[in-house]
Protein backbone atom coordinates (compact mmCIF):
# COMPACT_ATOMS: atom_id res chain seq x y z
CA MET A 1 -0.29 -0.19 -0.21
CA PRO A 2 0.86 3.73 -0.79
CA THR A 3 2.02 5.46 2.01
CA PRO A 4 -0.40 8.04 3.94
CA PRO A 5 0.68 11.52 3.62
CA ARG A 6 2.51 12.76 6.63
CA THR A 7 3.36 16.18 5.84
CA ASP A 8 1.34 19.58 4.89
CA ILE A 9 2.77 19.71 1.58
CA GLU A 10 1.72 15.72 0.83
CA ILE A 11 -1.24 16.10 2.40
CA ALA A 12 -2.24 19.19 0.40
CA ARG A 13 -1.33 17.79 -3.40
CA ALA A 14 -3.33 14.64 -2.09
CA ALA A 15 -6.41 17.13 -1.90
CA VAL A 16 -8.90 16.59 -4.60
CA LYS A 17 -9.91 20.04 -5.26
CA ARG A 18 -13.67 20.88 -7.06
CA PRO A 19 -14.22 23.60 -9.49
CA ILE A 20 -14.00 26.94 -8.14
CA GLN A 21 -17.05 27.19 -9.73
CA GLU A 22 -19.05 24.94 -7.94
CA ILE A 23 -17.48 26.20 -4.50
CA GLY A 24 -18.66 29.52 -5.61
CA ALA A 25 -21.88 28.19 -5.94
CA LYS A 26 -21.94 27.39 -2.41
CA LEU A 27 -22.10 30.51 -1.32
CA GLY A 28 -24.61 31.80 -4.66
CA ILE A 29 -21.83 33.23 -6.31
CA PRO A 30 -22.80 32.87 -9.97
CA ALA A 31 -19.83 31.46 -12.70
CA GLU A 32 -19.98 35.18 -14.67
CA SER A 33 -18.84 36.45 -11.32
CA LEU A 34 -15.83 34.59 -10.64
CA LEU A 35 -12.41 35.33 -12.81
CA PRO A 36 -11.13 32.32 -12.81
CA TYR A 37 -6.83 31.50 -12.15
CA GLY A 38 -6.55 28.17 -13.12
CA HIS A 39 -9.12 26.06 -12.24
CA ASP A 40 -9.08 26.24 -8.46
CA LYS A 41 -8.92 29.93 -7.42
CA ALA A 42 -10.54 32.60 -8.90
CA LYS A 43 -10.92 36.40 -8.07
CA VAL A 44 -14.95 37.49 -7.17
CA GLY A 45 -15.94 40.59 -9.58
CA GLN A 46 -16.50 44.03 -8.43
CA ASP A 47 -19.78 44.45 -9.73
CA PHE A 48 -21.32 41.33 -8.27
CA ILE A 49 -19.81 42.21 -4.75
CA ALA A 50 -21.54 45.93 -5.06
CA GLY A 51 -24.79 44.23 -6.03
CA LEU A 52 -24.28 42.75 -2.21
CA ALA A 53 -25.12 45.84 -0.61
CA ASP A 54 -28.56 45.51 1.10
CA ARG A 55 -27.74 42.04 1.79
CA PRO A 56 -28.03 41.33 5.64
CA ARG A 57 -24.67 40.59 7.15
CA GLY A 58 -24.23 36.91 9.00
CA ARG A 59 -22.38 36.18 12.35
CA LEU A 60 -18.82 37.12 12.33
CA VAL A 61 -16.40 34.89 14.41
CA LEU A 62 -12.62 36.12 15.26
CA VAL A 63 -10.00 33.53 15.75
CA THR A 64 -7.15 35.01 17.83
CA ALA A 65 -4.01 33.66 20.01
CA ILE A 66 -1.90 33.16 23.12
CA ASN A 67 1.26 35.18 22.32
CA PRO A 68 3.32 32.96 19.65
CA THR A 69 6.25 30.72 20.38
CA PRO A 70 8.63 28.95 18.52
CA ALA A 71 6.72 25.43 20.00
CA GLY A 72 3.72 26.86 17.42
CA GLU A 73 0.02 27.66 18.30
CA GLY A 74 -1.63 26.76 14.99
CA LYS A 75 -4.23 29.71 14.74
CA THR A 76 -4.73 29.30 10.81
CA THR A 77 -4.93 26.07 11.12
CA THR A 78 -7.68 26.67 13.25
CA THR A 79 -9.38 29.16 11.44
CA VAL A 80 -9.73 26.68 8.81
CA GLY A 81 -10.48 23.65 10.76
CA LEU A 82 -13.35 25.68 12.47
CA GLY A 83 -14.56 26.73 9.40
CA ASP A 84 -14.95 23.07 8.11
CA GLY A 85 -16.21 22.43 11.46
CA LEU A 86 -19.11 24.55 10.97
CA GLN A 87 -19.74 23.95 7.12
CA ARG A 88 -19.77 20.03 8.76
CA ILE A 89 -22.85 20.80 11.22
CA GLY A 90 -24.52 22.41 8.55
CA LYS A 91 -24.12 25.88 8.22
CA ARG A 92 -23.65 27.57 5.50
CA ALA A 93 -19.90 28.52 6.61
CA ALA A 94 -16.97 30.92 4.97
CA VAL A 95 -13.64 31.33 5.99
CA CYS A 96 -11.82 34.71 5.92
CA ILE A 97 -7.19 34.71 6.21
CA ARG A 98 -4.62 36.91 4.70
CA GLU A 99 -2.21 36.02 2.11
CA ALA A 100 1.29 34.57 3.03
CA SER A 101 4.57 36.88 2.35
CA LEU A 102 7.53 35.47 0.37
CA GLY A 103 9.87 36.63 3.15
CA PRO A 104 8.70 34.24 5.87
CA ASN A 105 8.10 31.95 3.54
CA PHE A 106 11.72 31.81 2.78
CA GLY A 107 12.51 32.95 6.17
CA MET A 108 11.28 31.01 9.18
CA LYS A 109 7.49 31.46 10.06
CA GLY A 110 6.48 29.57 6.86
CA GLY A 111 3.27 29.37 5.20
CA ALA A 112 -0.41 30.91 6.07
CA ALA A 113 -2.44 28.24 4.36
CA GLY A 114 -2.80 25.78 7.71
CA GLY A 115 -1.66 22.93 8.45
CA GLY A 116 -2.48 19.00 8.51
CA TYR A 117 -6.17 17.92 7.44
CA ALA A 118 -7.09 21.86 7.92
CA GLN A 119 -5.72 23.31 5.15
CA VAL A 120 -6.12 25.74 2.70
CA VAL A 121 -5.61 24.91 -1.17
CA PRO A 122 -3.93 24.93 -3.04
CA MET A 123 -0.84 25.26 -0.78
CA GLU A 124 2.19 25.66 -3.07
CA GLU A 125 0.34 28.49 -5.16
CA MET A 126 -0.88 30.14 -1.60
CA ASN A 127 2.08 30.68 -0.07
CA LEU A 128 4.23 31.77 -3.48
CA HIS A 129 2.70 33.94 -6.25
CA PHE A 130 -1.38 33.11 -6.05
CA THR A 131 -2.86 35.65 -7.95
CA GLY A 132 -0.20 38.49 -7.80
CA ASP A 133 -1.80 40.74 -5.46
CA PHE A 134 1.55 41.46 -3.37
CA HIS A 135 3.27 42.07 -6.58
CA ALA A 136 1.05 44.74 -7.34
CA ILE A 137 0.86 46.24 -4.11
CA THR A 138 5.09 46.49 -3.93
CA ALA A 139 4.62 47.93 -8.18
CA ALA A 140 2.38 50.92 -6.90
CA HIS A 141 4.22 51.75 -3.81
CA ASN A 142 7.89 51.85 -5.57
CA LEU A 143 6.07 53.60 -8.75
CA LEU A 144 5.05 56.28 -6.23
CA ALA A 145 8.58 56.08 -4.37
CA ALA A 146 10.16 56.58 -8.17
CA MET A 147 7.73 59.83 -8.65
CA ILE A 148 8.83 61.45 -5.80
CA ASP A 149 12.52 61.27 -7.08
CA ASN A 150 11.03 61.94 -10.64
CA HIS A 151 9.62 64.93 -9.46
CA ILE A 152 12.38 66.56 -7.96
CA TYR A 153 14.89 65.54 -10.50
CA TRP A 154 12.58 68.00 -13.07
CA GLY A 155 12.41 70.75 -11.00
CA ASN A 156 10.35 70.29 -7.73
CA ALA A 157 7.59 72.01 -8.50
CA LEU A 158 5.84 70.89 -4.99
CA GLU A 159 8.91 72.32 -3.16
CA ILE A 160 9.53 68.85 -1.50
CA ASP A 161 12.48 69.32 1.25
CA ASP A 162 14.57 66.09 0.22
CA ARG A 163 15.56 65.38 3.95
CA ARG A 164 11.88 65.51 4.92
CA ILE A 165 10.75 62.46 2.31
CA VAL A 166 8.58 59.56 4.18
CA TRP A 167 8.03 57.41 1.93
CA ARG A 168 10.06 54.30 1.42
CA ARG A 169 10.53 51.75 -0.87
CA VAL A 170 9.14 48.13 -0.66
CA MET A 171 10.09 44.73 -1.42
CA ASP A 172 8.02 40.74 -0.74
CA MET A 173 11.32 39.39 1.08
CA ASN A 174 13.19 39.67 4.14
CA ASP A 175 15.96 41.40 3.35
CA ARG A 176 18.23 43.66 6.76
CA ALA A 177 20.76 45.15 4.43
CA LEU A 178 18.03 47.11 2.38
CA ARG A 179 16.50 48.37 5.95
CA ASP A 180 18.87 51.84 5.30
CA VAL A 181 20.18 52.87 1.56
CA VAL A 182 21.49 55.86 -0.26
CA VAL A 183 20.24 56.25 -3.78
CA GLY A 184 21.17 58.73 -6.62
CA LEU A 185 24.46 57.96 -6.65
CA GLY A 186 26.17 58.15 -9.59
CA GLY A 187 26.17 61.51 -10.68
CA VAL A 188 24.00 64.46 -12.48
CA ALA A 189 22.00 61.78 -14.45
CA ASN A 190 21.30 59.89 -11.43
CA GLY A 191 19.11 62.30 -9.71
CA PHE A 192 20.24 63.71 -5.99
CA ALA A 193 21.45 61.78 -3.18
CA ARG A 194 19.97 60.92 -0.24
CA GLN A 195 19.20 58.20 2.50
CA THR A 196 16.73 56.07 2.51
CA GLY A 197 15.06 52.24 2.74
CA PHE A 198 12.98 49.44 2.26
CA ASP A 199 10.36 48.04 4.33
CA ILE A 200 8.44 44.96 3.42
CA THR A 201 5.54 44.69 1.50
CA VAL A 202 3.33 43.66 4.13
CA ALA A 203 4.43 47.19 5.81
CA SER A 204 2.98 49.08 2.85
CA GLU A 205 0.45 51.63 3.17
CA VAL A 206 -0.65 50.85 0.63
CA MET A 207 -1.44 47.55 1.99
CA ALA A 208 -3.51 48.65 4.96
CA CYS A 209 -5.16 51.33 1.97
CA LEU A 210 -6.35 47.97 0.12
CA CYS A 211 -7.44 46.31 3.29
CA LEU A 212 -9.29 48.69 4.14
CA ALA A 213 -10.86 50.18 0.95
CA ARG A 214 -14.56 49.37 0.38
CA ASP A 215 -14.24 50.10 -3.43
CA LEU A 216 -12.04 51.33 -6.26
CA ALA A 217 -13.39 54.99 -5.60
CA ASP A 218 -12.47 54.88 -1.98
CA LEU A 219 -9.10 53.15 -2.80
CA GLN A 220 -7.92 55.39 -5.15
CA ASP A 221 -8.61 57.94 -2.35
CA ARG A 222 -6.86 56.46 0.29
CA LEU A 223 -4.05 56.32 -1.90
CA GLY A 224 -4.48 60.07 -2.51
CA ARG A 225 -4.63 60.96 1.32
CA MET A 226 -0.86 59.53 1.77
CA ILE A 227 1.66 61.86 2.73
CA VAL A 228 4.87 60.82 0.85
CA ALA A 229 7.33 64.17 1.92
CA TYR A 230 7.06 67.23 3.74
CA ARG A 231 7.81 70.39 2.80
CA ARG A 232 10.79 73.15 3.99
CA ASP A 233 7.86 74.94 5.92
CA ARG A 234 6.48 71.37 7.42
CA SER A 235 3.03 71.11 5.29
CA PRO A 236 2.52 67.56 3.92
CA VAL A 237 2.98 66.46 0.36
CA PHE A 238 0.03 64.12 -0.43
CA ALA A 239 0.39 61.33 -3.28
CA ARG A 240 -2.17 62.84 -5.45
CA ASP A 241 -0.28 66.04 -5.03
CA LEU A 242 1.59 64.21 -7.36
CA ARG A 243 -1.10 62.58 -9.18
CA ALA A 244 0.10 59.10 -8.64
CA ASP A 245 -3.13 58.09 -7.34
CA GLY A 246 -4.64 57.27 -10.74
CA ALA A 247 -1.67 55.09 -12.01
CA MET A 248 -1.50 53.44 -8.73
CA THR A 249 -4.92 52.32 -8.63
CA VAL A 250 -4.77 51.00 -12.44
CA LEU A 251 -1.91 48.80 -10.65
CA LEU A 252 -4.50 47.37 -8.17
CA ARG A 253 -7.70 47.00 -9.86
CA ASP A 254 -7.68 43.46 -9.56
CA ALA A 255 -5.74 42.93 -6.66
CA LEU A 256 -8.86 44.63 -4.88
CA GLN A 257 -10.93 41.57 -5.71
CA PRO A 258 -10.80 39.35 -3.36
CA ASN A 259 -8.98 35.38 -4.30
CA LEU A 260 -11.88 32.86 -3.56
CA VAL A 261 -10.37 28.85 -2.96
CA GLN A 262 -11.25 25.93 -0.93
CA THR A 263 -10.24 24.46 2.20
CA LEU A 264 -9.54 20.08 1.95
CA GLU A 265 -13.33 19.80 2.91
CA HIS A 266 -14.31 22.68 0.16
CA THR A 267 -15.51 25.31 2.60
CA PRO A 268 -15.07 28.63 0.96
CA ALA A 269 -12.46 30.24 1.41
CA PHE A 270 -11.56 34.20 0.63
CA VAL A 271 -7.33 34.73 0.89
CA HIS A 272 -7.16 38.52 0.65
CA GLY A 273 -4.83 40.83 2.00
CA GLY A 274 -1.51 40.28 4.06
CA PRO A 275 -0.60 42.75 6.46
CA PHE A 276 1.39 41.39 9.45
CA ALA A 277 0.18 42.35 13.05
CA ASN A 278 3.51 43.08 14.47
CA ILE A 279 4.35 46.21 11.70
CA ALA A 280 0.53 47.04 10.89
CA HIS A 281 -2.89 46.07 11.47
CA GLY A 282 -3.19 42.31 10.76
CA CYS A 283 -6.54 41.56 9.12
CA ASN A 284 -7.25 40.55 5.64
CA SER A 285 -9.22 42.91 3.68
CA VAL A 286 -12.24 44.50 4.73
CA ILE A 287 -13.81 43.81 0.84
CA ALA A 288 -13.25 39.92 1.27
CA THR A 289 -14.97 39.90 4.94
CA GLU A 290 -17.83 42.26 3.94
CA THR A 291 -18.46 39.58 0.98
CA ALA A 292 -18.32 36.70 2.95
CA LEU A 293 -20.83 38.00 5.35
CA ARG A 294 -23.44 39.04 2.56
CA LEU A 295 -23.14 35.44 1.31
CA ALA A 296 -22.66 33.05 4.38
CA ASP A 297 -24.55 32.38 7.78
CA ILE A 298 -21.28 32.36 9.90
CA VAL A 299 -17.59 33.81 8.97
CA VAL A 300 -14.54 32.67 10.56
CA THR A 301 -11.69 35.06 10.20
CA GLU A 302 -8.97 35.49 12.21
CA ALA A 303 -6.00 38.47 13.33
CA GLY A 304 -2.51 37.72 13.77
CA PHE A 305 -0.35 37.04 15.88
CA GLY A 306 -1.49 37.23 19.85
CA ALA A 307 -4.99 38.78 20.76
CA ASP A 308 -2.16 41.42 22.47
CA LEU A 309 -1.40 42.47 18.62
CA GLY A 310 -4.22 41.20 15.97
CA ALA A 311 -7.68 40.85 18.26
CA GLU A 312 -6.90 44.55 19.56
CA LYS A 313 -6.49 45.48 15.82
CA PHE A 314 -9.17 43.93 14.69
CA PHE A 315 -11.53 45.45 17.07
CA ASP A 316 -9.84 48.83 17.27
CA ILE A 317 -9.04 49.22 13.79
CA LYS A 318 -10.83 46.79 10.90
CA CYS A 319 -14.28 46.81 12.85
CA ARG A 320 -14.04 50.75 13.93
CA MET A 321 -13.10 51.54 10.15
CA ALA A 322 -15.75 49.02 8.48
CA GLY A 323 -18.41 49.21 11.23
CA LEU A 324 -17.95 45.29 11.79
CA SER A 325 -19.50 44.42 15.04
CA PRO A 326 -17.74 40.41 16.32
CA ASP A 327 -20.29 37.93 17.95
CA VAL A 328 -17.50 35.38 19.11
CA ALA A 329 -13.93 35.42 19.71
CA VAL A 330 -11.85 32.18 19.97
CA ILE A 331 -8.20 31.83 21.10
CA VAL A 332 -6.12 29.30 20.67
CA ALA A 333 -3.74 27.94 22.70
CA THR A 334 -1.42 25.06 23.20
CA VAL A 335 -0.18 22.70 26.00
CA ARG A 336 3.33 23.47 24.19
CA ALA A 337 3.55 27.11 23.78
CA LEU A 338 1.72 27.24 27.55
CA LYS A 339 4.57 25.61 28.76
CA MET A 340 7.46 27.52 27.14
CA ASN A 341 5.70 30.77 28.57
CA GLY A 342 5.27 28.68 31.77
CA GLY A 343 9.69 28.38 31.37
CA VAL A 344 10.37 25.18 29.86
CA ALA A 345 12.95 25.30 27.19
CA ARG A 346 12.14 24.05 23.86
CA ALA A 347 14.03 21.21 24.08
CA ASP A 348 12.30 20.09 26.66
CA LEU A 349 8.97 20.69 25.41
CA GLY A 350 8.08 16.83 25.33
CA ALA A 351 8.18 16.22 28.92
CA GLU A 352 5.12 16.14 30.84
CA ASN A 353 5.29 19.30 33.28
CA VAL A 354 1.57 20.49 34.81
CA GLU A 355 3.56 23.07 36.76
CA ALA A 356 4.80 25.20 33.61
CA VAL A 357 1.16 25.08 31.78
CA ARG A 358 -0.36 26.12 34.49
CA ALA A 359 2.19 28.84 34.82
CA GLY A 360 2.29 29.75 31.86
CA SER A 361 -1.67 29.73 31.49
CA ALA A 362 -1.10 33.61 32.70
CA ASN A 363 -0.83 34.59 29.49
CA LEU A 364 -4.11 32.55 28.65
CA ALA A 365 -5.85 34.14 31.25
CA ARG A 366 -4.65 37.74 29.87
CA HIS A 367 -6.07 37.43 26.76
CA ILE A 368 -8.99 36.18 27.49
CA ALA A 369 -9.63 39.18 29.99
CA ASN A 370 -8.56 41.48 27.00
CA VAL A 371 -10.56 39.90 24.53
CA LYS A 372 -13.75 39.53 26.97
CA GLY A 373 -13.00 43.53 28.06
CA PHE A 374 -14.36 44.67 24.01
CA GLY A 375 -17.80 42.82 25.09
CA VAL A 376 -17.34 39.87 23.19
CA PRO A 377 -18.15 36.37 23.75
CA VAL A 378 -14.52 34.13 24.16
CA LEU A 379 -13.84 30.58 23.89
CA VAL A 380 -10.41 28.85 24.06
CA ALA A 381 -9.59 26.04 21.76
CA ILE A 382 -6.88 23.90 22.46
CA ASN A 383 -5.04 23.15 19.60
CA HIS A 384 -3.99 19.37 20.18
CA PHE A 385 -0.79 18.13 19.91
CA ALA A 386 0.77 14.13 20.13
CA GLY A 387 2.66 14.66 22.83
CA ASP A 388 -0.03 16.67 25.04
CA SER A 389 -0.62 14.65 28.69
CA GLU A 390 -4.24 14.52 29.97
CA ALA A 391 -2.75 16.46 33.21
CA GLU A 392 -1.85 19.00 31.17
CA ILE A 393 -4.96 19.36 28.86
CA ALA A 394 -6.76 19.53 32.09
CA ALA A 395 -4.76 22.01 33.39
CA VAL A 396 -5.41 24.07 30.75
CA GLU A 397 -9.25 23.58 30.90
CA ALA A 398 -8.71 24.72 34.36
CA ALA A 399 -7.18 27.65 33.38
CA ALA A 400 -9.75 28.95 30.77
CA ALA A 401 -12.97 27.93 33.07
CA GLU A 402 -11.36 30.03 35.75
CA ALA A 403 -10.65 32.92 33.73
CA GLY A 404 -14.68 32.85 32.77
CA ALA A 405 -13.99 30.62 29.11
CA GLU A 406 -14.98 27.54 27.90
CA ALA A 407 -12.15 25.44 26.64
CA PHE A 408 -12.11 22.50 23.32
CA LEU A 409 -9.90 20.11 22.83
CA CYS A 410 -9.21 20.02 19.56
CA ARG A 411 -8.13 17.74 17.13
CA HIS A 412 -8.36 19.01 13.27
CA TRP A 413 -5.35 18.85 12.43
CA VAL A 414 -5.10 15.55 12.37
CA GLU A 415 -8.94 14.39 12.11
CA GLY A 416 -10.25 17.63 9.83
CA SER A 417 -13.87 19.04 10.83
CA ALA A 418 -14.53 15.70 13.06
CA GLY A 419 -12.34 17.12 15.23
CA ILE A 420 -13.69 20.38 16.10
CA GLU A 421 -17.14 19.81 15.99
CA ALA A 422 -18.02 20.20 19.18
CA LEU A 423 -16.34 23.63 19.15
CA ALA A 424 -17.95 24.42 15.85
CA THR A 425 -21.26 23.80 17.84
CA ARG A 426 -20.40 25.90 20.57
CA VAL A 427 -19.35 28.75 18.68
CA ALA A 428 -22.57 29.12 16.08
CA ALA A 429 -24.72 28.51 19.36
CA LEU A 430 -23.18 31.43 20.87
CA ALA A 431 -22.94 33.51 17.57
CA GLU A 432 -26.86 32.83 16.84
CA ALA A 433 -27.72 33.94 20.49
CA GLY A 434 -26.15 37.78 19.48
CA GLY A 435 -25.68 38.10 23.44
CA ALA A 436 -22.08 40.53 22.05
CA THR A 437 -21.97 44.10 22.83
CA PHE A 438 -18.93 44.71 21.30
CA ALA A 439 -17.39 48.73 21.75
CA PRO A 440 -13.50 49.55 20.86
CA LEU A 441 -11.11 50.12 23.59
CA TYR A 442 -11.18 53.64 23.30
CA ALA A 443 -13.41 56.85 21.98
CA ASP A 444 -12.09 58.74 18.71
CA SER A 445 -12.09 61.50 20.43
CA MET A 446 -9.29 60.25 23.04
CA PRO A 447 -5.82 61.86 22.08
CA LEU A 448 -3.48 60.04 20.10
CA MET A 449 -0.98 60.26 23.28
CA GLU A 450 -3.96 58.79 25.64
CA LYS A 451 -4.78 55.98 22.75
CA ILE A 452 -1.25 54.80 23.10
CA GLU A 453 -0.96 54.96 26.78
CA THR A 454 -5.07 52.97 27.11
CA ILE A 455 -3.14 50.24 24.63
CA ALA A 456 -0.28 49.74 26.75
CA THR A 457 -1.59 50.01 29.91
CA ARG A 458 -5.14 47.79 29.55
CA ILE A 459 -3.75 45.60 26.76
CA TYR A 460 -0.26 45.06 27.60
CA HIS A 461 -0.56 45.77 31.54
CA ALA A 462 2.09 48.17 31.21
CA GLY A 463 3.49 50.73 33.89
CA GLU A 464 4.79 53.36 32.01
CA VAL A 465 5.23 54.80 27.87
CA VAL A 466 8.33 56.06 27.23
CA ALA A 467 8.45 58.48 24.29
CA ASP A 468 10.53 61.74 24.16
CA SER A 469 9.04 65.61 23.51
CA LYS A 470 9.74 65.11 20.07
CA ILE A 471 7.47 62.32 19.92
CA ARG A 472 4.62 63.65 21.55
CA GLU A 473 5.08 67.29 19.53
CA GLN A 474 4.56 65.12 16.96
CA LEU A 475 1.76 63.68 17.84
CA ARG A 476 -0.38 67.17 19.07
CA SER A 477 0.78 68.26 15.63
CA TRP A 478 -1.03 65.87 13.84
CA GLU A 479 -4.25 66.65 15.92
CA GLU A 480 -4.01 70.26 14.78
CA ALA A 481 -3.84 69.06 11.25
CA GLY A 482 -6.96 66.75 11.94
CA TYR A 483 -5.52 63.62 12.76
CA GLY A 484 -6.78 63.25 16.07
CA HIS A 485 -9.39 61.29 15.58
CA LEU A 486 -7.12 58.24 13.89
CA PRO A 487 -6.83 55.01 15.74
CA VAL A 488 -3.74 53.86 16.59
CA CYS A 489 -1.19 51.05 15.34
CA MET A 490 0.66 49.80 17.49
CA ALA A 491 3.73 47.73 16.47
CA LYS A 492 5.78 46.00 18.45
CA THR A 493 7.14 42.46 18.93
CA GLN A 494 4.50 39.53 19.06
CA TYR A 495 6.63 37.26 21.40
CA SER A 496 5.23 39.04 24.67
CA PHE A 497 2.78 41.80 26.02
CA SER A 498 5.94 43.66 26.81
CA THR A 499 8.71 44.92 23.88
CA ASP A 500 11.05 42.50 25.26
CA PRO A 501 10.59 39.48 22.76
CA THR A 502 12.33 37.23 25.92
CA LEU A 503 9.73 38.28 28.56
CA ARG A 504 6.90 35.29 28.19
CA GLY A 505 4.05 34.54 30.20
CA ALA A 506 1.74 37.95 31.40
CA PRO A 507 4.33 40.89 32.33
CA SER A 508 2.90 44.05 34.39
CA GLY A 509 4.50 47.06 35.23
CA HIS A 510 7.09 47.21 32.34
CA SER A 511 7.89 50.11 30.29
CA VAL A 512 6.80 50.42 26.59
CA PRO A 513 9.26 52.53 25.12
CA VAL A 514 8.06 54.73 22.01
CA ARG A 515 11.00 55.41 19.57
CA GLU A 516 9.01 56.76 16.53
CA VAL A 517 5.48 57.19 14.92
CA ARG A 518 4.26 57.73 11.48
CA LEU A 519 0.68 58.86 10.04
CA SER A 520 -0.81 56.68 7.81
CA ALA A 521 -3.07 59.29 6.44
CA GLY A 522 -4.56 56.95 3.43
CA ALA A 523 -4.85 53.72 5.81
CA GLY A 524 -6.43 56.41 8.78
CA PHE A 525 -4.17 55.25 11.90
CA VAL A 526 -1.00 55.91 13.47
CA VAL A 527 1.36 53.94 13.82
CA ALA A 528 3.42 54.01 17.09
CA ILE A 529 6.70 52.05 16.68
CA CYS A 530 7.87 50.57 19.88
CA GLY A 531 11.30 48.80 20.87
CA GLU A 532 13.23 47.36 18.85
CA ILE A 533 10.56 46.27 15.92
CA MET A 534 11.82 46.16 12.37
CA THR A 535 9.36 47.12 9.57
CA MET A 536 12.26 45.36 7.32
CA PRO A 537 13.05 41.63 8.82
CA GLY A 538 15.72 39.65 8.19
CA LEU A 539 16.05 35.91 7.35
CA PRO A 540 17.09 34.06 10.20
CA ARG A 541 20.82 31.95 10.38
CA VAL A 542 19.01 28.78 8.62
CA PRO A 543 16.44 30.20 6.46
CA ALA A 544 14.21 27.75 5.12
CA ALA A 545 14.90 28.73 1.71
CA GLU A 546 18.14 26.49 2.13
CA THR A 547 15.59 23.42 1.88
CA ILE A 548 12.91 24.61 -0.20
CA GLY A 549 13.61 22.85 -3.91
CA LEU A 550 11.86 20.94 -6.82
CA ASP A 551 11.81 17.04 -6.99
CA ALA A 552 12.45 15.27 -9.87
CA GLU A 553 8.76 15.20 -10.86
CA GLY A 554 8.88 19.24 -10.49
CA ARG A 555 6.51 19.66 -7.52
CA VAL A 556 7.87 21.87 -4.61
CA GLU A 557 9.42 20.26 -1.75
CA GLY A 558 10.26 22.24 1.67
CA LEU A 559 7.31 24.61 1.66
CA PHE A 560 5.23 24.35 4.98
């Protein structure tokens, strides 16, 4: 007999996919409203989406997690499994997740398609170029960068101060050598020399604009509002001043249309957009979520990294801007990750350690309390690993119960929807009961510095926020310019409630240093860069790219 598939990529390759038109039909999307990319993926047409505006929304479920560790949590896997579980119990379900960035795929984090028997397919294509959305975002972003330098070269009619250009370039790869660069060297023909740098594409404001836009007109308006530089008198220069917004929208026209694919169990899945939660707002696109909500009874979406980053930004940025009201939140935890939060080294995770689970569960309890503070019912998904002992699982269940949340052991990685049916049943019951009383953490009218302090103290449990007078004055000047109502997007390490990635568990009383603030006027938020977080990651000592290649049959190997 042939050996059964064991790895994510083997399971995905063995999947029997249905034609994408059949997947669309599950949600009532006619074949003519799908723009196929091959047989197993398609974009949903803008005209069809526009016609859904008057339909009532379905129920919205957020999947978030404890702080990530090298042991793994499986948030996307649980999102996909829960969508399949809801379909299994007879619900018209859809999944909404983000697209994968090439940088982490070839670095350390891996892909973003789920895992085991709770995956979205085609896995290889999703984790590589997919439908080209990220390339379009990269091109649009760098077109604007080129137009800035070109404008200065040809006389600088806008009187841009080349010392105050804030628009950097981007690429969809981890490359620390590009964080700070000098451009324009080589003489007069190459323009004026100046210092700049690169961010990763998922940190681009263009990515944020696309993920928050409702339609093409809204997208172009957001792109035009982006601030790219300042004049000597400190007045802002917008992308629309360079007349770049039209061409950028043309490049992004197809990218704005959400991508439809399927899970291994043929649940419809919208995979669209990909801002990171540690440096951006960490959610899939508004247009994909809205489309799914108009077509499905229950929509399961995720927000990146732990609930201190992804869930907070989902609630305070995405839901605020899009008028969304989530019905249930699921926090994913694993015994292994909780043991690491309890002080166990990665090499020792295989040994039973109930006390470490109990100690690490302080991290889970903190996240439960934080999410409940938004007025959303909370459940806990214990993502099962083969080495978990019954005593360790019982410790997690007890910790969740003490924090006021029901916990469910989930075996979707191995069993697919059958392994998560109990959680799906409870999620559906809570969602349909309509008991959520969602409200964001802070009011629009709160001053920007107070918003930063509110997130730091109430979500991170920090003792103080450290920001010098220059940063505080910058925030006040943006308030005077009419940007004080914007929400705040915190950029910090995903590994801890603090800004120290080695400080696990549930630290309190720590300092949150804000080293820089950026105004994303087009996206509609202010970014506070905290600690040592980088907007252009580097590759690890041994990048995943070293083990990725093609086998003798031309199939991808090593991708995860």
